[in-house]
Amino acid sequence: MAIESSSAVNPPEKNELFGTLVTQKQRQVLDLLLITGEPKAMADIAIELARQQEFADEAVWQEASRIRIELYHRHLPKLADIGLVEIDTTRNTVSLTSAGAEVRDRLSLG
């Protein structure tokens, strides 16, 4: 099983975290994984993000395909690089790491 993740054991610093989460899709992926609490297939994440954009049903599949490519090549690697998610390329799934699960508490400004 091939799993990609940051080799860092320590959670990301706040500046690194904010820099990565500046992109809406990266925040949406984390929110989705935090809500479900379980690994999700990349295709399912893409479909959910496309549905959030309120496309007509026939356009959701086309948009989901575009989003899946974006996730695979851009957004998920950035989240994995700072240790928030693990990508299982054999199963095409994404799961939160312990650092990813703690992201809401780490971003608390109060």
Protein backbone atom coordinates (compact mmCIF):
# COMPACT_ATOMS: atom_id res chain seq x y z
CA MET A 1 0.00 0.00 0.00
CA ALA A 2 1.54 3.29 -1.10
CA ILE A 3 0.91 6.12 1.31
CA GLU A 4 2.12 9.66 0.80
CA SER A 5 2.49 11.98 3.73
CA SER A 6 4.88 14.46 5.18
CA SER A 7 7.89 12.88 6.82
CA ALA A 8 7.64 15.45 9.60
CA VAL A 9 6.46 14.09 12.93
CA ASN A 10 5.66 17.51 14.37
CA PRO A 11 2.43 19.31 13.47
CA PRO A 12 2.81 22.27 11.11
CA GLU A 13 3.51 25.74 12.44
CA LYS A 14 0.60 28.21 12.28
CA ASN A 15 2.15 30.22 9.42
CA GLU A 16 2.63 27.05 7.37
CA LEU A 17 -0.92 25.98 8.23
CA PHE A 18 -2.42 29.34 7.25
CA GLY A 19 -0.36 29.37 4.05
CA THR A 20 -1.73 25.99 3.03
CA LEU A 21 -5.31 26.70 4.03
CA VAL A 22 -5.49 29.94 2.05
CA THR A 23 -7.09 27.89 -0.75
CA GLN A 24 -10.81 27.25 -0.39
CA LYS A 25 -10.64 23.70 -1.79
CA GLN A 26 -8.00 22.71 0.77
CA ARG A 27 -10.21 24.02 3.57
CA GLN A 28 -13.22 22.20 2.09
CA VAL A 29 -11.29 18.91 1.96
CA LEU A 30 -10.27 19.26 5.61
CA ASP A 31 -13.83 20.17 6.64
CA LEU A 32 -15.21 17.14 4.81
CA LEU A 33 -12.68 14.79 6.40
CA LEU A 34 -13.24 16.32 9.85
CA ILE A 35 -17.01 15.86 9.52
CA THR A 36 -16.86 12.25 8.36
CA GLY A 37 -13.92 11.24 10.54
CA GLU A 38 -13.07 8.41 8.14
CA PRO A 39 -10.92 7.99 5.02
CA LYS A 40 -12.70 9.11 1.86
CA ALA A 41 -12.19 8.15 -1.76
CA MET A 42 -10.74 10.98 -3.84
CA ALA A 43 -13.64 10.61 -6.29
CA ASP A 44 -16.18 10.98 -3.46
CA ILE A 45 -14.44 14.12 -2.21
CA ALA A 46 -14.51 15.57 -5.72
CA ILE A 47 -18.23 14.79 -6.12
CA GLU A 48 -19.04 16.38 -2.76
CA LEU A 49 -17.08 19.54 -3.63
CA ALA A 50 -18.83 19.74 -7.02
CA ARG A 51 -22.23 19.39 -5.34
CA GLN A 52 -21.34 22.21 -2.95
CA GLN A 53 -20.98 24.46 -6.00
CA GLU A 54 -24.65 23.78 -6.83
CA PHE A 55 -24.22 22.65 -10.40
CA ALA A 56 -27.12 21.02 -12.24
CA ASP A 57 -27.00 17.24 -11.88
CA GLU A 58 -25.59 16.63 -15.35
CA ALA A 59 -22.81 19.18 -14.77
CA VAL A 60 -21.82 17.78 -11.35
CA TRP A 61 -20.06 14.78 -12.92
CA GLN A 62 -18.10 16.92 -15.35
CA GLU A 63 -17.09 19.36 -12.60
CA ALA A 64 -16.23 16.48 -10.23
CA SER A 65 -13.85 15.08 -12.83
CA ARG A 66 -12.10 18.44 -13.10
CA ILE A 67 -11.95 18.82 -9.31
CA ARG A 68 -10.56 15.28 -8.87
CA ILE A 69 -7.65 16.12 -11.14
CA GLU A 70 -7.07 19.38 -9.24
CA LEU A 71 -7.18 17.56 -5.91
CA TYR A 72 -4.76 14.87 -7.03
CA HIS A 73 -2.18 17.19 -8.55
CA ARG A 74 -2.46 20.31 -6.42
CA HIS A 75 -4.51 20.40 -3.24
CA LEU A 76 -4.00 16.99 -1.64
CA PRO A 77 -0.19 17.01 -2.05
CA LYS A 78 -0.05 20.38 -0.27
CA LEU A 79 -2.11 19.05 2.62
CA ALA A 80 0.06 15.92 2.75
CA ASP A 81 3.29 17.93 2.60
CA ILE A 82 2.51 19.61 5.92
CA GLY A 83 1.25 16.40 7.47
CA LEU A 84 -2.50 17.06 7.64
CA VAL A 85 -3.60 14.15 5.44
CA GLU A 86 -2.35 10.83 4.20
CA ILE A 87 -2.94 9.82 0.61
CA ASP A 88 -3.24 6.12 -0.16
CA THR A 89 -2.50 5.99 -3.89
CA THR A 90 -3.24 2.27 -4.06
CA ARG A 91 -6.79 2.70 -2.82
CA ASN A 92 -7.18 6.32 -3.99
CA THR A 93 -8.28 7.41 -0.53
CA VAL A 94 -7.45 10.32 1.72
CA SER A 95 -7.48 10.29 5.51
CA LEU A 96 -6.70 12.78 8.25
CA THR A 97 -3.56 12.44 10.28
CA SER A 98 -3.58 13.24 13.99
CA ALA A 99 -2.30 16.73 13.09
CA GLY A 100 -5.16 17.12 10.62
CA ALA A 101 -7.69 16.04 13.24
CA GLU A 102 -6.38 18.75 15.60
CA VAL A 103 -6.50 21.54 13.02
CA ARG A 104 -9.65 23.21 14.39
CA ASP A 105 -8.12 23.54 17.85
CA ARG A 106 -4.82 24.80 16.43
CA LEU A 107 -6.56 27.52 14.43
CA SER A 108 -8.57 28.78 17.38
CA LEU A 109 -7.72 32.44 17.79
CA GLY A 110 -9.60 32.93 21.04
